[in-house]
Amino acid sequence: MADVKTVTAAAHGWQGTIDIPGDKSISHRSVMFAGLGNTPVHIKNFLHAADCLSTVGVMRALGVNVEFLNEKELIVTGRGLHGLSEPLTVLDAGNSGTTLRLMMGLLSPQPFLSVFSGDASLTRRPMGRVRRPLSTMGARI
């Protein structure tokens, strides 16, 4: 059985370190959440895989600073919740459906235009289950 770690937030916030193995889902989300923060975030055990690197590339295109210390460790310096920059180019999600779907949600409320692309496989995947709810909330997709 894996070790279970419990994190409890104090009323005034919390700070600490959690050591977890590299995971694709967590790696995507950790870079995205860190990019929305206001302070540098040190991420360890990042899964250095093509899909996760697509997320890093998209976040960099939005003005987030991502510095790799080594293959599994990086520092993400976010721009704040409303500080992302309008990308100067098409955002390339590669073959990562997770990058595309999560970033569509993250960027929908932003006050700028974002255009996504990906490889041939990604552009054939259905996106209606993401597009419909975001459109209902006012996103123009």
C-alpha atoms as a PDB file:
ATOM      1  CA  MET A   1       0.000   0.000   0.000  1.00  0.00           C
ATOM      2  CA  ALA A   2       1.299   3.473  -0.866  1.00  0.00           C
ATOM      3  CA  ASP A   3       2.119   5.980   1.826  1.00  0.00           C
ATOM      4  CA  VAL A   4      -0.755   8.382   2.378  1.00  0.00           C
ATOM      5  CA  LYS A   5       0.073  12.005   3.066  1.00  0.00           C
ATOM      6  CA  THR A   6      -2.515  14.363   4.456  1.00  0.00           C
ATOM      7  CA  VAL A   7      -2.325  18.106   3.876  1.00  0.00           C
ATOM      8  CA  THR A   8      -4.469  20.358   6.022  1.00  0.00           C
ATOM      9  CA  ALA A   9      -4.791  24.054   5.195  1.00  0.00           C
ATOM     10  CA  ALA A  10      -4.659  26.482   8.091  1.00  0.00           C
ATOM     11  CA  ALA A  11      -7.134  29.361   8.187  1.00  0.00           C
ATOM     12  CA  HIS A  12      -4.406  31.735   6.971  1.00  0.00           C
ATOM     13  CA  GLY A  13      -3.186  29.472   4.141  1.00  0.00           C
ATOM     14  CA  TRP A  14      -0.553  26.774   3.963  1.00  0.00           C
ATOM     15  CA  GLN A  15       2.918  26.166   2.708  1.00  0.00           C
ATOM     16  CA  GLY A  16       4.849  22.960   2.357  1.00  0.00           C
ATOM     17  CA  THR A  17       6.280  20.271   0.151  1.00  0.00           C
ATOM     18  CA  ILE A  18       4.536  17.179  -1.132  1.00  0.00           C
ATOM     19  CA  ASP A  19       6.664  14.460  -2.779  1.00  0.00           C
ATOM     20  CA  ILE A  20       4.691  12.517  -5.398  1.00  0.00           C
ATOM     21  CA  PRO A  21       5.794  10.377  -8.359  1.00  0.00           C
ATOM     22  CA  GLY A  22       5.714  11.796 -11.880  1.00  0.00           C
ATOM     23  CA  ASP A  23       2.199  11.653 -13.328  1.00  0.00           C
ATOM     24  CA  LYS A  24       0.900  13.026 -16.627  1.00  0.00           C
ATOM     25  CA  SER A  25      -2.365  14.403 -15.264  1.00  0.00           C
ATOM     26  CA  ILE A  26      -0.703  16.058 -12.276  1.00  0.00           C
ATOM     27  CA  SER A  27       2.182  17.400 -14.376  1.00  0.00           C
ATOM     28  CA  HIS A  28      -0.213  19.176 -16.775  1.00  0.00           C
ATOM     29  CA  ARG A  29      -2.249  20.682 -13.973  1.00  0.00           C
ATOM     30  CA  SER A  30       0.710  21.673 -11.795  1.00  0.00           C
ATOM     31  CA  VAL A  31       2.194  23.780 -14.603  1.00  0.00           C
ATOM     32  CA  MET A  32      -1.181  25.380 -15.385  1.00  0.00           C
ATOM     33  CA  PHE A  33      -2.036  26.187 -11.765  1.00  0.00           C
ATOM     34  CA  ALA A  34       1.472  27.496 -11.098  1.00  0.00           C
ATOM     35  CA  GLY A  35       1.153  29.713 -14.172  1.00  0.00           C
ATOM     36  CA  LEU A  36      -1.921  31.347 -12.646  1.00  0.00           C
ATOM     37  CA  GLY A  37      -0.152  32.086  -9.366  1.00  0.00           C
ATOM     38  CA  ASN A  38       1.814  35.154  -8.336  1.00  0.00           C
ATOM     39  CA  THR A  39       4.918  33.516  -6.893  1.00  0.00           C
ATOM     40  CA  PRO A  40       7.469  31.038  -8.245  1.00  0.00           C
ATOM     41  CA  VAL A  41       6.451  27.405  -7.806  1.00  0.00           C
ATOM     42  CA  HIS A  42       9.057  24.640  -7.605  1.00  0.00           C
ATOM     43  CA  ILE A  43       7.674  21.474  -9.219  1.00  0.00           C
ATOM     44  CA  LYS A  44       9.448  18.175  -8.641  1.00  0.00           C
ATOM     45  CA  ASN A  45       8.836  14.800 -10.306  1.00  0.00           C
ATOM     46  CA  PHE A  46       7.450  16.458 -13.443  1.00  0.00           C
ATOM     47  CA  LEU A  47       6.693  13.842 -16.087  1.00  0.00           C
ATOM     48  CA  HIS A  48       9.010  14.851 -18.939  1.00  0.00           C
ATOM     49  CA  ALA A  49       6.779  13.528 -21.735  1.00  0.00           C
ATOM     50  CA  ALA A  50       5.623  15.033 -25.034  1.00  0.00           C
ATOM     51  CA  ASP A  51       2.078  15.783 -23.807  1.00  0.00           C
ATOM     52  CA  CYS A  52       3.286  17.575 -20.682  1.00  0.00           C
ATOM     53  CA  LEU A  53       5.882  19.494 -22.687  1.00  0.00           C
ATOM     54  CA  SER A  54       3.048  20.709 -24.943  1.00  0.00           C
ATOM     55  CA  THR A  55       1.438  22.255 -21.868  1.00  0.00           C
ATOM     56  CA  VAL A  56       4.759  23.900 -20.957  1.00  0.00           C
ATOM     57  CA  GLY A  57       5.006  25.322 -24.479  1.00  0.00           C
ATOM     58  CA  VAL A  58       1.489  26.748 -24.374  1.00  0.00           C
ATOM     59  CA  MET A  59       2.053  28.318 -20.944  1.00  0.00           C
ATOM     60  CA  ARG A  60       5.299  29.896 -22.165  1.00  0.00           C
ATOM     61  CA  ALA A  61       3.440  31.310 -25.182  1.00  0.00           C
ATOM     62  CA  LEU A  62       1.055  32.952 -22.689  1.00  0.00           C
ATOM     63  CA  GLY A  63       3.937  34.717 -20.932  1.00  0.00           C
ATOM     64  CA  VAL A  64       4.548  32.266 -18.095  1.00  0.00           C
ATOM     65  CA  ASN A  65       8.224  31.696 -17.262  1.00  0.00           C
ATOM     66  CA  VAL A  66       9.103  27.996 -17.062  1.00  0.00           C
ATOM     67  CA  GLU A  67      12.685  27.103 -16.176  1.00  0.00           C
ATOM     68  CA  PHE A  68      13.806  23.473 -16.169  1.00  0.00           C
ATOM     69  CA  LEU A  69      16.374  22.733 -13.465  1.00  0.00           C
ATOM     70  CA  ASN A  70      16.668  19.188 -14.795  1.00  0.00           C
ATOM     71  CA  GLU A  71      14.389  16.761 -16.642  1.00  0.00           C
ATOM     72  CA  LYS A  72      12.039  16.237 -13.672  1.00  0.00           C
ATOM     73  CA  GLU A  73      12.284  19.555 -11.856  1.00  0.00           C
ATOM     74  CA  LEU A  74      11.178  23.014 -12.883  1.00  0.00           C
ATOM     75  CA  ILE A  75      10.358  26.455 -11.568  1.00  0.00           C
ATOM     76  CA  VAL A  76       7.192  28.089 -12.894  1.00  0.00           C
ATOM     77  CA  THR A  77       6.787  31.809 -12.311  1.00  0.00           C
ATOM     78  CA  GLY A  78       3.165  32.663 -12.928  1.00  0.00           C
ATOM     79  CA  ARG A  79       1.539  35.825 -14.179  1.00  0.00           C
ATOM     80  CA  GLY A  80      -1.402  35.844 -11.796  1.00  0.00           C
ATOM     81  CA  LEU A  81      -4.988  34.874 -12.482  1.00  0.00           C
ATOM     82  CA  HIS A  82      -5.549  37.765 -14.894  1.00  0.00           C
ATOM     83  CA  GLY A  83      -1.960  38.258 -16.064  1.00  0.00           C
ATOM     84  CA  LEU A  84      -1.658  35.857 -18.974  1.00  0.00           C
ATOM     85  CA  SER A  85      -0.561  37.513 -22.223  1.00  0.00           C
ATOM     86  CA  GLU A  86      -2.259  37.219 -25.577  1.00  0.00           C
ATOM     87  CA  PRO A  87      -0.213  34.716 -27.562  1.00  0.00           C
ATOM     88  CA  LEU A  88       1.664  36.055 -30.571  1.00  0.00           C
ATOM     89  CA  THR A  89       1.251  32.781 -32.432  1.00  0.00           C
ATOM     90  CA  VAL A  90      -0.996  29.732 -32.686  1.00  0.00           C
ATOM     91  CA  LEU A  91      -0.867  27.610 -29.511  1.00  0.00           C
ATOM     92  CA  ASP A  92       0.424  24.157 -30.443  1.00  0.00           C
ATOM     93  CA  ALA A  93      -1.010  21.353 -28.294  1.00  0.00           C
ATOM     94  CA  GLY A  94       0.928  18.715 -30.246  1.00  0.00           C
ATOM     95  CA  ASN A  95      -0.852  15.397 -29.741  1.00  0.00           C
ATOM     96  CA  SER A  96      -2.112  16.283 -26.266  1.00  0.00           C
ATOM     97  CA  GLY A  97      -5.876  16.201 -25.870  1.00  0.00           C
ATOM     98  CA  THR A  98      -5.393  17.050 -22.198  1.00  0.00           C
ATOM     99  CA  THR A  99      -3.448  20.202 -23.062  1.00  0.00           C
ATOM    100  CA  LEU A 100      -6.088  21.293 -25.554  1.00  0.00           C
ATOM    101  CA  ARG A 101      -9.144  20.558 -23.411  1.00  0.00           C
ATOM    102  CA  LEU A 102      -7.792  22.046 -20.185  1.00  0.00           C
ATOM    103  CA  MET A 103      -6.348  25.108 -21.900  1.00  0.00           C
ATOM    104  CA  MET A 104      -9.654  25.764 -23.683  1.00  0.00           C
ATOM    105  CA  GLY A 105     -11.274  26.046 -20.265  1.00  0.00           C
ATOM    106  CA  LEU A 106      -8.447  28.093 -18.795  1.00  0.00           C
ATOM    107  CA  LEU A 107      -8.367  30.567 -21.687  1.00  0.00           C
ATOM    108  CA  SER A 108     -12.097  30.915 -22.391  1.00  0.00           C
ATOM    109  CA  PRO A 109     -12.626  33.723 -19.854  1.00  0.00           C
ATOM    110  CA  GLN A 110      -9.474  35.597 -20.893  1.00  0.00           C
ATOM    111  CA  PRO A 111      -9.960  38.943 -22.665  1.00  0.00           C
ATOM    112  CA  PHE A 112      -7.925  37.961 -25.718  1.00  0.00           C
ATOM    113  CA  LEU A 113      -8.042  35.673 -28.734  1.00  0.00           C
ATOM    114  CA  SER A 114      -6.348  32.286 -28.592  1.00  0.00           C
ATOM    115  CA  VAL A 115      -6.022  29.909 -31.529  1.00  0.00           C
ATOM    116  CA  PHE A 116      -5.045  26.270 -30.992  1.00  0.00           C
ATOM    117  CA  SER A 117      -3.566  23.717 -33.314  1.00  0.00           C
ATOM    118  CA  GLY A 118      -2.153  20.243 -32.965  1.00  0.00           C
ATOM    119  CA  ASP A 119      -0.966  17.285 -34.948  1.00  0.00           C
ATOM    120  CA  ALA A 120      -3.203  15.438 -37.416  1.00  0.00           C
ATOM    121  CA  SER A 121      -4.457  13.018 -34.769  1.00  0.00           C
ATOM    122  CA  LEU A 122      -5.466  15.775 -32.355  1.00  0.00           C
ATOM    123  CA  THR A 123      -7.303  17.812 -34.967  1.00  0.00           C
ATOM    124  CA  ARG A 124      -9.560  14.810 -35.706  1.00  0.00           C
ATOM    125  CA  ARG A 125     -10.635  14.295 -32.092  1.00  0.00           C
ATOM    126  CA  PRO A 126     -14.111  15.430 -31.051  1.00  0.00           C
ATOM    127  CA  MET A 127     -14.141  18.551 -28.882  1.00  0.00           C
ATOM    128  CA  GLY A 128     -17.902  19.043 -28.609  1.00  0.00           C
ATOM    129  CA  ARG A 129     -18.036  17.907 -24.978  1.00  0.00           C
ATOM    130  CA  VAL A 130     -15.693  20.787 -24.125  1.00  0.00           C
ATOM    131  CA  ARG A 131     -16.903  23.338 -26.668  1.00  0.00           C
ATOM    132  CA  ARG A 132     -20.614  23.124 -25.781  1.00  0.00           C
ATOM    133  CA  PRO A 133     -20.370  23.956 -22.056  1.00  0.00           C
ATOM    134  CA  LEU A 134     -17.785  26.674 -22.667  1.00  0.00           C
ATOM    135  CA  SER A 135     -19.993  28.214 -25.366  1.00  0.00           C
ATOM    136  CA  THR A 136     -22.928  28.129 -22.945  1.00  0.00           C
ATOM    137  CA  MET A 137     -20.787  30.132 -20.515  1.00  0.00           C
ATOM    138  CA  GLY A 138     -20.094  32.758 -23.180  1.00  0.00           C
ATOM    139  CA  ALA A 139     -16.902  31.559 -24.846  1.00  0.00           C
ATOM    140  CA  ARG A 140     -16.686  32.041 -28.604  1.00  0.00           C
ATOM    141  CA  ILE A 141     -15.304  28.787 -29.971  1.00  0.00           C
END
